[in-house]
């Protein structure tokens, strides 16, 4: 079973955004996660057994994408902090 992505956006966008926002704590990041989730569905060839299966799959994908997004953001912040520390240390010497 495959549903048109336009129908899924109308049905699931709000609750996927809420789930993504609860992980990311940032509206822009949550919007990106939701968009990426629907894109993944659109590009996938996966067949689903029911509308509930589609909903569960979308939710799991959104949560996983949100977790990856915050881990990438955290890693980038650590990298920037380390670079700034090295720059300050090099400048002080």
N, C-alpha and C. Protein backbone atom coordinates (compact mmCIF):
# COMPACT_ATOMS: atom_id res chain seq x y z
N UNK A 1 0.85 -1.18 0.00
CA UNK A 1 0.00 0.00 0.00
C UNK A 1 0.89 1.24 0.00
N UNK A 2 0.56 2.17 -0.88
CA UNK A 2 1.25 3.46 -0.96
C UNK A 2 0.20 4.55 -0.99
N UNK A 3 0.43 5.59 -0.21
CA UNK A 3 -0.45 6.77 -0.20
C UNK A 3 0.29 7.90 -0.92
N UNK A 4 -0.45 8.76 -1.62
CA UNK A 4 0.20 9.95 -2.20
C UNK A 4 0.79 10.81 -1.08
N UNK A 5 2.00 11.29 -1.31
CA UNK A 5 2.69 12.06 -0.27
C UNK A 5 1.90 13.31 0.10
N UNK A 6 1.18 13.89 -0.84
CA UNK A 6 0.38 15.09 -0.53
C UNK A 6 -0.67 14.78 0.54
N UNK A 7 -1.29 13.61 0.45
CA UNK A 7 -2.28 13.22 1.47
C UNK A 7 -1.62 13.02 2.82
N UNK A 8 -0.45 12.41 2.81
CA UNK A 8 0.26 12.17 4.08
C UNK A 8 0.69 13.47 4.74
N UNK A 9 1.09 14.44 3.94
CA UNK A 9 1.48 15.74 4.50
C UNK A 9 0.29 16.35 5.23
N UNK A 10 -0.88 16.33 4.59
CA UNK A 10 -2.08 16.89 5.22
C UNK A 10 -2.43 16.16 6.51
N UNK A 11 -2.26 14.84 6.51
CA UNK A 11 -2.67 14.03 7.66
C UNK A 11 -1.67 14.05 8.82
N UNK A 12 -0.37 14.10 8.50
CA UNK A 12 0.63 13.81 9.52
C UNK A 12 1.62 14.93 9.81
N UNK A 13 1.59 16.00 9.07
CA UNK A 13 2.60 17.05 9.23
C UNK A 13 2.66 17.59 10.66
N UNK A 14 1.52 17.87 11.25
CA UNK A 14 1.51 18.49 12.59
C UNK A 14 2.09 17.57 13.65
N UNK A 15 1.69 16.31 13.66
CA UNK A 15 2.22 15.44 14.73
C UNK A 15 3.67 15.07 14.48
N UNK A 16 4.11 15.01 13.23
CA UNK A 16 5.53 14.78 12.97
C UNK A 16 6.36 15.99 13.41
N UNK A 17 5.83 17.19 13.15
CA UNK A 17 6.52 18.40 13.61
C UNK A 17 6.63 18.39 15.13
N UNK A 18 5.54 18.05 15.81
CA UNK A 18 5.55 18.03 17.28
C UNK A 18 6.59 17.04 17.80
N UNK A 19 6.67 15.87 17.19
CA UNK A 19 7.65 14.87 17.62
C UNK A 19 9.08 15.36 17.36
N UNK A 20 9.31 15.92 16.17
CA UNK A 20 10.64 16.42 15.83
C UNK A 20 11.03 17.59 16.74
N UNK A 21 10.09 18.48 17.00
CA UNK A 21 10.37 19.63 17.86
C UNK A 21 10.69 19.18 19.29
N UNK A 22 10.01 18.14 19.75
CA UNK A 22 10.28 17.66 21.12
C UNK A 22 11.71 17.14 21.26
N UNK A 23 12.29 16.68 20.15
CA UNK A 23 13.68 16.21 20.17
C UNK A 23 14.65 17.37 19.91
N UNK A 24 14.36 18.15 18.87
CA UNK A 24 15.30 19.21 18.44
C UNK A 24 15.22 20.48 19.29
N UNK A 25 14.04 20.79 19.80
CA UNK A 25 13.80 22.04 20.54
C UNK A 25 14.07 23.27 19.69
N UNK A 26 13.86 23.14 18.37
CA UNK A 26 14.09 24.25 17.45
C UNK A 26 13.13 24.07 16.28
N UNK A 27 12.31 25.10 16.00
CA UNK A 27 11.28 24.99 14.97
C UNK A 27 11.87 24.80 13.58
N UNK A 28 12.93 25.51 13.28
CA UNK A 28 13.55 25.39 11.96
C UNK A 28 14.11 23.99 11.74
N UNK A 29 14.78 23.45 12.74
CA UNK A 29 15.30 22.09 12.63
C UNK A 29 14.17 21.07 12.51
N UNK A 30 13.10 21.28 13.27
CA UNK A 30 11.95 20.38 13.20
C UNK A 30 11.31 20.42 11.81
N UNK A 31 11.20 21.63 11.23
CA UNK A 31 10.68 21.74 9.87
C UNK A 31 11.54 20.96 8.88
N UNK A 32 12.86 21.08 9.02
CA UNK A 32 13.78 20.33 8.15
C UNK A 32 13.57 18.83 8.30
N UNK A 33 13.43 18.37 9.52
CA UNK A 33 13.22 16.95 9.79
C UNK A 33 11.94 16.46 9.12
N UNK A 34 10.86 17.22 9.26
CA UNK A 34 9.59 16.82 8.67
C UNK A 34 9.70 16.76 7.15
N UNK A 35 10.32 17.77 6.56
CA UNK A 35 10.50 17.79 5.12
C UNK A 35 11.34 16.59 4.66
N UNK A 36 12.42 16.31 5.36
CA UNK A 36 13.28 15.17 5.02
C UNK A 36 12.54 13.84 5.17
N UNK A 37 11.66 13.76 6.16
CA UNK A 37 10.88 12.54 6.38
C UNK A 37 9.95 12.28 5.21
N UNK A 38 9.23 13.31 4.77
CA UNK A 38 8.33 13.13 3.63
C UNK A 38 9.10 12.85 2.35
N UNK A 39 10.26 13.46 2.20
CA UNK A 39 11.10 13.19 1.03
C UNK A 39 11.55 11.73 1.04
N UNK A 40 11.94 11.22 2.20
CA UNK A 40 12.36 9.83 2.29
C UNK A 40 11.21 8.90 1.89
N UNK A 41 10.01 9.20 2.36
CA UNK A 41 8.84 8.40 1.98
C UNK A 41 8.64 8.45 0.46
N UNK A 42 8.69 9.65 -0.08
CA UNK A 42 8.45 9.84 -1.52
C UNK A 42 9.46 9.05 -2.36
N UNK A 43 10.72 9.04 -1.92
CA UNK A 43 11.76 8.36 -2.69
C UNK A 43 11.82 6.85 -2.44
N UNK A 44 11.22 6.42 -1.35
CA UNK A 44 11.28 4.99 -1.02
C UNK A 44 10.29 4.20 -1.88
N UNK A 45 10.60 2.96 -2.05
CA UNK A 45 9.72 2.04 -2.79
C UNK A 45 9.00 1.10 -1.84
N UNK A 46 9.10 1.38 -0.56
CA UNK A 46 8.55 0.51 0.48
C UNK A 46 7.03 0.42 0.37
N UNK A 47 6.53 -0.79 0.52
CA UNK A 47 5.09 -1.04 0.57
C UNK A 47 4.68 -1.19 2.03
N UNK A 48 3.54 -0.66 2.38
CA UNK A 48 3.04 -0.70 3.75
C UNK A 48 1.77 -1.52 3.82
N UNK A 49 1.55 -2.13 4.97
CA UNK A 49 0.39 -3.01 5.12
C UNK A 49 -0.89 -2.26 5.47
N UNK A 50 -0.76 -1.04 6.01
CA UNK A 50 -1.95 -0.30 6.44
C UNK A 50 -1.59 1.17 6.65
N UNK A 51 -2.61 2.02 6.77
CA UNK A 51 -2.34 3.42 7.09
C UNK A 51 -1.61 3.59 8.44
N UNK A 52 -1.92 2.72 9.40
CA UNK A 52 -1.25 2.78 10.69
C UNK A 52 0.24 2.45 10.56
N UNK A 53 0.57 1.54 9.66
CA UNK A 53 1.97 1.19 9.41
C UNK A 53 2.70 2.39 8.81
N UNK A 54 2.06 3.09 7.89
CA UNK A 54 2.67 4.29 7.30
C UNK A 54 2.92 5.33 8.39
N UNK A 55 1.91 5.57 9.22
CA UNK A 55 2.03 6.57 10.29
C UNK A 55 3.18 6.22 11.23
N UNK A 56 3.25 4.94 11.63
CA UNK A 56 4.32 4.51 12.54
C UNK A 56 5.69 4.66 11.87
N UNK A 57 5.79 4.32 10.60
CA UNK A 57 7.05 4.44 9.87
C UNK A 57 7.48 5.91 9.79
N UNK A 58 6.54 6.78 9.43
CA UNK A 58 6.85 8.22 9.35
C UNK A 58 7.34 8.75 10.69
N UNK A 59 6.67 8.37 11.75
CA UNK A 59 7.04 8.85 13.08
C UNK A 59 8.43 8.36 13.47
N UNK A 60 8.73 7.09 13.22
CA UNK A 60 10.05 6.54 13.55
C UNK A 60 11.13 7.23 12.74
N UNK A 61 10.89 7.45 11.45
CA UNK A 61 11.87 8.14 10.60
C UNK A 61 12.10 9.56 11.11
N UNK A 62 11.03 10.26 11.43
CA UNK A 62 11.16 11.64 11.91
C UNK A 62 11.96 11.70 13.21
N UNK A 63 11.68 10.83 14.14
CA UNK A 63 12.40 10.83 15.42
C UNK A 63 13.88 10.51 15.19
N UNK A 64 14.15 9.52 14.37
CA UNK A 64 15.56 9.17 14.09
C UNK A 64 16.29 10.32 13.41
N UNK A 65 15.64 10.97 12.45
CA UNK A 65 16.26 12.11 11.77
C UNK A 65 16.50 13.26 12.75
N UNK A 66 15.57 13.49 13.66
CA UNK A 66 15.72 14.55 14.66
C UNK A 66 16.90 14.25 15.59
N UNK A 67 17.03 13.00 16.01
CA UNK A 67 18.15 12.62 16.88
C UNK A 67 19.49 12.80 16.15
N UNK A 68 19.53 12.40 14.89
CA UNK A 68 20.77 12.59 14.12
C UNK A 68 21.09 14.06 13.95
N UNK A 69 20.06 14.87 13.73
CA UNK A 69 20.28 16.31 13.54
C UNK A 69 20.87 16.93 14.80
N UNK A 70 20.33 16.61 15.97
CA UNK A 70 20.88 17.23 17.18
C UNK A 70 22.26 16.70 17.49
N UNK A 71 22.55 15.45 17.15
CA UNK A 71 23.91 14.95 17.40
C UNK A 71 24.90 15.62 16.46
N UNK A 72 24.51 15.90 15.22
CA UNK A 72 25.38 16.64 14.30
C UNK A 72 25.60 18.07 14.78
N UNK A 73 24.53 18.70 15.26
CA UNK A 73 24.64 20.07 15.77
C UNK A 73 25.57 20.10 16.98
N UNK A 74 25.41 19.13 17.87
CA UNK A 74 26.28 19.06 19.05
C UNK A 74 27.73 18.85 18.66
N UNK A 75 27.97 17.98 17.70
CA UNK A 75 29.33 17.73 17.24
C UNK A 75 29.92 18.99 16.61
N UNK A 76 29.13 19.72 15.85
CA UNK A 76 29.60 20.96 15.22
C UNK A 76 29.93 22.00 16.29
N UNK A 77 29.12 22.09 17.32
CA UNK A 77 29.40 23.05 18.41
C UNK A 77 30.70 22.70 19.12
N UNK A 78 30.93 21.43 19.35
CA UNK A 78 32.18 21.01 20.01
C UNK A 78 33.36 21.35 19.13
N UNK A 79 33.24 21.09 17.84
CA UNK A 79 34.32 21.40 16.90
C UNK A 79 34.61 22.89 16.89
N UNK A 80 33.58 23.71 16.84
CA UNK A 80 33.77 25.17 16.83
C UNK A 80 34.42 25.62 18.13
N UNK A 81 33.96 25.08 19.26
CA UNK A 81 34.54 25.44 20.55
C UNK A 81 36.02 25.07 20.59
N UNK A 82 36.34 23.88 20.11
CA UNK A 82 37.76 23.47 20.08
C UNK A 82 38.58 24.37 19.17
N UNK A 83 38.04 24.74 18.03
CA UNK A 83 38.76 25.62 17.11
C UNK A 83 38.98 26.99 17.74
N UNK A 84 37.95 27.52 18.41
CA UNK A 84 38.09 28.82 19.08
C UNK A 84 39.11 28.76 20.20
N UNK A 85 39.12 27.67 20.94
CA UNK A 85 40.09 27.51 22.03
C UNK A 85 41.51 27.48 21.47
N UNK A 86 41.71 26.75 20.39
CA UNK A 86 43.04 26.68 19.77
C UNK A 86 43.47 28.04 19.23
N UNK A 87 42.52 28.77 18.63
CA UNK A 87 42.84 30.10 18.09
C UNK A 87 43.23 31.04 19.21
N UNK A 88 42.50 31.02 20.31
CA UNK A 88 42.82 31.88 21.45
C UNK A 88 44.18 31.52 22.05
N UNK A 89 44.45 30.23 22.15
CA UNK A 89 45.73 29.77 22.70
C UNK A 89 46.88 30.19 21.79
N UNK A 90 46.71 30.04 20.49
CA UNK A 90 47.75 30.41 19.53
C UNK A 90 47.97 31.92 19.53
N UNK A 91 46.92 32.67 19.66
CA UNK A 91 47.01 34.12 19.67
C UNK A 91 47.70 34.62 20.94
N UNK A 92 47.44 33.93 22.05
CA UNK A 92 48.02 34.34 23.34
C UNK A 92 49.52 34.06 23.41
N UNK A 93 50.01 33.16 22.60
CA UNK A 93 51.43 32.83 22.65
C UNK A 93 52.28 33.68 21.80
